[in-house]
Amino acid sequence: MKWNDIRVGTLGGTLCSIWASFSLGDVMQTVIMAALGTVVSYMTSRFLRKIGKH
């Protein structure tokens, strides 16, 4: 085995173990929270811009 093969195997194993630790529910919760945070941030900036014009 070459040194490069060992590094690729180690990287592949690490990525597989990380991937297995995520559940679909966690990913969906992250997506929903990110979308909600984006909407709240956008609405807050619009509101502040609107009250700043008066």
PDB file of N, CA and C in Angstrom:
ATOM      1  N   MET A   1       0.835  -1.188   0.000  1.00  0.00           N
ATOM      2  CA  MET A   1       0.000   0.000   0.000  1.00  0.00           C
ATOM      3  C   MET A   1       0.873   1.243   0.000  1.00  0.00           C
ATOM      4  N   LYS A   2       0.452   2.187  -0.760  1.00  0.00           N
ATOM      5  CA  LYS A   2       1.178   3.452  -0.816  1.00  0.00           C
ATOM      6  C   LYS A   2       0.635   4.408   0.243  1.00  0.00           C
ATOM      7  N   TRP A   3       1.431   5.410   0.566  1.00  0.00           N
ATOM      8  CA  TRP A   3       1.042   6.417   1.553  1.00  0.00           C
ATOM      9  C   TRP A   3      -0.235   7.118   1.119  1.00  0.00           C
ATOM     10  N   ASN A   4      -0.379   7.398  -0.178  1.00  0.00           N
ATOM     11  CA  ASN A   4      -1.555   8.091  -0.702  1.00  0.00           C
ATOM     12  C   ASN A   4      -2.816   7.245  -0.509  1.00  0.00           C
ATOM     13  N   ASP A   5      -2.688   5.909  -0.688  1.00  0.00           N
ATOM     14  CA  ASP A   5      -3.841   5.021  -0.489  1.00  0.00           C
ATOM     15  C   ASP A   5      -4.323   5.060   0.958  1.00  0.00           C
ATOM     16  N   ILE A   6      -3.387   5.102   1.891  1.00  0.00           N
ATOM     17  CA  ILE A   6      -3.748   5.153   3.311  1.00  0.00           C
ATOM     18  C   ILE A   6      -4.469   6.459   3.621  1.00  0.00           C
ATOM     19  N   ARG A   7      -3.990   7.560   3.067  1.00  0.00           N
ATOM     20  CA  ARG A   7      -4.632   8.859   3.306  1.00  0.00           C
ATOM     21  C   ARG A   7      -6.035   8.894   2.725  1.00  0.00           C
ATOM     22  N   VAL A   8      -6.212   8.362   1.516  1.00  0.00           N
ATOM     23  CA  VAL A   8      -7.542   8.342   0.887  1.00  0.00           C
ATOM     24  C   VAL A   8      -8.486   7.454   1.682  1.00  0.00           C
ATOM     25  N   GLY A   9      -7.996   6.307   2.134  1.00  0.00           N
ATOM     26  CA  GLY A   9      -8.830   5.411   2.942  1.00  0.00           C
ATOM     27  C   GLY A   9      -9.240   6.036   4.258  1.00  0.00           C
ATOM     28  N   THR A  10      -8.300   6.721   4.899  1.00  0.00           N
ATOM     29  CA  THR A  10      -8.603   7.392   6.162  1.00  0.00           C
ATOM     30  C   THR A  10      -9.618   8.506   5.959  1.00  0.00           C
ATOM     31  N   LEU A  11      -9.429   9.295   4.907  1.00  0.00           N
ATOM     32  CA  LEU A  11     -10.373  10.371   4.608  1.00  0.00           C
ATOM     33  C   LEU A  11     -11.758   9.817   4.296  1.00  0.00           C
ATOM     34  N   GLY A  12     -11.818   8.742   3.513  1.00  0.00           N
ATOM     35  CA  GLY A  12     -13.106   8.125   3.196  1.00  0.00           C
ATOM     36  C   GLY A  12     -13.821   7.603   4.434  1.00  0.00           C
ATOM     37  N   GLY A  13     -13.077   6.957   5.319  1.00  0.00           N
ATOM     38  CA  GLY A  13     -13.669   6.454   6.560  1.00  0.00           C
ATOM     39  C   GLY A  13     -14.163   7.566   7.453  1.00  0.00           C
ATOM     40  N   THR A  14     -13.384   8.637   7.522  1.00  0.00           N
ATOM     41  CA  THR A  14     -13.790   9.787   8.334  1.00  0.00           C
ATOM     42  C   THR A  14     -15.064  10.415   7.791  1.00  0.00           C
ATOM     43  N   LEU A  15     -15.113  10.606   6.479  1.00  0.00           N
ATOM     44  CA  LEU A  15     -16.310  11.207   5.867  1.00  0.00           C
ATOM     45  C   LEU A  15     -17.537  10.310   6.049  1.00  0.00           C
ATOM     46  N   CYS A  16     -17.368   9.007   5.923  1.00  0.00           N
ATOM     47  CA  CYS A  16     -18.503   8.088   6.128  1.00  0.00           C
ATOM     48  C   CYS A  16     -19.008   8.120   7.564  1.00  0.00           C
ATOM     49  N   SER A  17     -18.095   8.210   8.514  1.00  0.00           N
ATOM     50  CA  SER A  17     -18.540   8.239   9.911  1.00  0.00           C
ATOM     51  C   SER A  17     -19.235   9.555  10.241  1.00  0.00           C
ATOM     52  N   ILE A  18     -18.758  10.646   9.654  1.00  0.00           N
ATOM     53  CA  ILE A  18     -19.428  11.937   9.862  1.00  0.00           C
ATOM     54  C   ILE A  18     -20.806  11.910   9.218  1.00  0.00           C
ATOM     55  N   TRP A  19     -20.886  11.413   7.991  1.00  0.00           N
ATOM     56  CA  TRP A  19     -22.158  11.354   7.262  1.00  0.00           C
ATOM     57  C   TRP A  19     -23.180  10.511   8.020  1.00  0.00           C
ATOM     58  N   ALA A  20     -22.737   9.415   8.640  1.00  0.00           N
ATOM     59  CA  ALA A  20     -23.649   8.524   9.365  1.00  0.00           C
ATOM     60  C   ALA A  20     -24.176   9.171  10.642  1.00  0.00           C
ATOM     61  N   SER A  21     -23.478  10.173  11.149  1.00  0.00           N
ATOM     62  CA  SER A  21     -23.922  10.785  12.402  1.00  0.00           C
ATOM     63  C   SER A  21     -25.040  11.811  12.192  1.00  0.00           C
ATOM     64  N   PHE A  22     -25.300  12.206  10.959  1.00  0.00           N
ATOM     65  CA  PHE A  22     -26.376  13.152  10.677  1.00  0.00           C
ATOM     66  C   PHE A  22     -27.662  12.396  10.375  1.00  0.00           C
ATOM     67  N   SER A  23     -28.749  12.901  10.917  1.00  0.00           N
ATOM     68  CA  SER A  23     -30.040  12.308  10.580  1.00  0.00           C
ATOM     69  C   SER A  23     -30.802  13.286   9.698  1.00  0.00           C
ATOM     70  N   LEU A  24     -31.753  12.764   8.971  1.00  0.00           N
ATOM     71  CA  LEU A  24     -32.545  13.599   8.072  1.00  0.00           C
ATOM     72  C   LEU A  24     -33.317  14.649   8.856  1.00  0.00           C
ATOM     73  N   GLY A  25     -33.765  14.316  10.047  1.00  0.00           N
ATOM     74  CA  GLY A  25     -34.490  15.271  10.887  1.00  0.00           C
ATOM     75  C   GLY A  25     -33.618  16.453  11.277  1.00  0.00           C
ATOM     76  N   ASP A  26     -32.353  16.181  11.609  1.00  0.00           N
ATOM     77  CA  ASP A  26     -31.431  17.268  11.956  1.00  0.00           C
ATOM     78  C   ASP A  26     -31.189  18.184  10.770  1.00  0.00           C
ATOM     79  N   VAL A  27     -31.019  17.591   9.597  1.00  0.00           N
ATOM     80  CA  VAL A  27     -30.777  18.391   8.394  1.00  0.00           C
ATOM     81  C   VAL A  27     -32.003  19.236   8.069  1.00  0.00           C
ATOM     82  N   MET A  28     -33.187  18.657   8.159  1.00  0.00           N
ATOM     83  CA  MET A  28     -34.413  19.405   7.868  1.00  0.00           C
ATOM     84  C   MET A  28     -34.622  20.523   8.880  1.00  0.00           C
ATOM     85  N   GLN A  29     -34.323  20.276  10.151  1.00  0.00           N
ATOM     86  CA  GLN A  29     -34.453  21.310  11.163  1.00  0.00           C
ATOM     87  C   GLN A  29     -33.494  22.461  10.870  1.00  0.00           C
ATOM     88  N   THR A  30     -32.291  22.149  10.447  1.00  0.00           N
ATOM     89  CA  THR A  30     -31.320  23.187  10.107  1.00  0.00           C
ATOM     90  C   THR A  30     -31.791  24.007   8.913  1.00  0.00           C
ATOM     91  N   VAL A  31     -32.329  23.345   7.905  1.00  0.00           N
ATOM     92  CA  VAL A  31     -32.826  24.050   6.716  1.00  0.00           C
ATOM     93  C   VAL A  31     -33.982  24.969   7.086  1.00  0.00           C
ATOM     94  N   ILE A  32     -34.912  24.478   7.891  1.00  0.00           N
ATOM     95  CA  ILE A  32     -36.072  25.282   8.287  1.00  0.00           C
ATOM     96  C   ILE A  32     -35.639  26.479   9.134  1.00  0.00           C
ATOM     97  N   MET A  33     -34.734  26.255  10.073  1.00  0.00           N
ATOM     98  CA  MET A  33     -34.261  27.357  10.925  1.00  0.00           C
ATOM     99  C   MET A  33     -33.499  28.401  10.112  1.00  0.00           C
ATOM    100  N   ALA A  34     -32.722  27.964   9.130  1.00  0.00           N
ATOM    101  CA  ALA A  34     -31.993  28.903   8.284  1.00  0.00           C
ATOM    102  C   ALA A  34     -32.966  29.730   7.445  1.00  0.00           C
ATOM    103  N   ALA A  35     -33.991  29.099   6.896  1.00  0.00           N
ATOM    104  CA  ALA A  35     -34.988  29.819   6.106  1.00  0.00           C
ATOM    105  C   ALA A  35     -35.758  30.808   6.983  1.00  0.00           C
ATOM    106  N   LEU A  36     -36.134  30.389   8.176  1.00  0.00           N
ATOM    107  CA  LEU A  36     -36.851  31.274   9.089  1.00  0.00           C
ATOM    108  C   LEU A  36     -35.979  32.457   9.490  1.00  0.00           C
ATOM    109  N   GLY A  37     -34.709  32.210   9.764  1.00  0.00           N
ATOM    110  CA  GLY A  37     -33.792  33.288  10.108  1.00  0.00           C
ATOM    111  C   GLY A  37     -33.618  34.272   8.971  1.00  0.00           C
ATOM    112  N   THR A  38     -33.588  33.773   7.747  1.00  0.00           N
ATOM    113  CA  THR A  38     -33.478  34.649   6.578  1.00  0.00           C
ATOM    114  C   THR A  38     -34.705  35.534   6.435  1.00  0.00           C
ATOM    115  N   VAL A  39     -35.882  34.955   6.601  1.00  0.00           N
ATOM    116  CA  VAL A  39     -37.120  35.724   6.481  1.00  0.00           C
ATOM    117  C   VAL A  39     -37.204  36.784   7.577  1.00  0.00           C
ATOM    118  N   VAL A  40     -36.885  36.415   8.801  1.00  0.00           N
ATOM    119  CA  VAL A  40     -36.938  37.370   9.904  1.00  0.00           C
ATOM    120  C   VAL A  40     -35.929  38.499   9.693  1.00  0.00           C
ATOM    121  N   SER A  41     -34.745  38.182   9.245  1.00  0.00           N
ATOM    122  CA  SER A  41     -33.730  39.194   8.985  1.00  0.00           C
ATOM    123  C   SER A  41     -34.188  40.147   7.880  1.00  0.00           C
ATOM    124  N   TYR A  42     -34.759  39.604   6.818  1.00  0.00           N
ATOM    125  CA  TYR A  42     -35.244  40.427   5.710  1.00  0.00           C
ATOM    126  C   TYR A  42     -36.379  41.347   6.170  1.00  0.00           C
ATOM    127  N   MET A  43     -37.342  40.791   6.898  1.00  0.00           N
ATOM    128  CA  MET A  43     -38.474  41.598   7.355  1.00  0.00           C
ATOM    129  C   MET A  43     -38.016  42.681   8.336  1.00  0.00           C
ATOM    130  N   THR A  44     -37.063  42.373   9.200  1.00  0.00           N
ATOM    131  CA  THR A  44     -36.550  43.357  10.140  1.00  0.00           C
ATOM    132  C   THR A  44     -35.847  44.498   9.409  1.00  0.00           C
ATOM    133  N   SER A  45     -35.055  44.169   8.404  1.00  0.00           N
ATOM    134  CA  SER A  45     -34.370  45.229   7.654  1.00  0.00           C
ATOM    135  C   SER A  45     -35.370  46.092   6.883  1.00  0.00           C
ATOM    136  N   ARG A  46     -36.407  45.482   6.336  1.00  0.00           N
ATOM    137  CA  ARG A  46     -37.448  46.268   5.643  1.00  0.00           C
ATOM    138  C   ARG A  46     -38.169  47.189   6.628  1.00  0.00           C
ATOM    139  N   PHE A  47     -38.491  46.664   7.816  1.00  0.00           N
ATOM    140  CA  PHE A  47     -39.177  47.457   8.825  1.00  0.00           C
ATOM    141  C   PHE A  47     -38.308  48.627   9.280  1.00  0.00           C
ATOM    142  N   LEU A  48     -37.047  48.376   9.542  1.00  0.00           N
ATOM    143  CA  LEU A  48     -36.153  49.451   9.982  1.00  0.00           C
ATOM    144  C   LEU A  48     -35.950  50.490   8.889  1.00  0.00           C
ATOM    145  N   ARG A  49     -35.891  50.046   7.655  1.00  0.00           N
ATOM    146  CA  ARG A  49     -35.759  51.005   6.549  1.00  0.00           C
ATOM    147  C   ARG A  49     -37.022  51.869   6.434  1.00  0.00           C
ATOM    148  N   LYS A  50     -38.189  51.244   6.655  1.00  0.00           N
ATOM    149  CA  LYS A  50     -39.451  51.981   6.560  1.00  0.00           C
ATOM    150  C   LYS A  50     -39.590  53.017   7.665  1.00  0.00           C
ATOM    151  N   ILE A  51     -39.236  52.651   8.917  1.00  0.00           N
ATOM    152  CA  ILE A  51     -39.376  53.635   9.998  1.00  0.00           C
ATOM    153  C   ILE A  51     -38.250  54.670   9.953  1.00  0.00           C
ATOM    154  N   GLY A  52     -37.164  54.356   9.281  1.00  0.00           N
ATOM    155  CA  GLY A  52     -36.068  55.324   9.151  1.00  0.00           C
ATOM    156  C   GLY A  52     -36.375  56.453   8.196  1.00  0.00           C
ATOM    157  N   LYS A  53     -37.320  56.261   7.285  1.00  0.00           N
ATOM    158  CA  LYS A  53     -37.686  57.297   6.310  1.00  0.00           C
ATOM    159  C   LYS A  53     -38.550  58.369   6.907  1.00  0.00           C
ATOM    160  N   HIS A  54     -39.208  58.109   8.031  1.00  0.00           N
ATOM    161  CA  HIS A  54     -40.126  59.092   8.639  1.00  0.00           C
ATOM    162  C   HIS A  54     -39.385  60.108   9.445  1.00  0.00           C
TER     163      HIS A  54
END
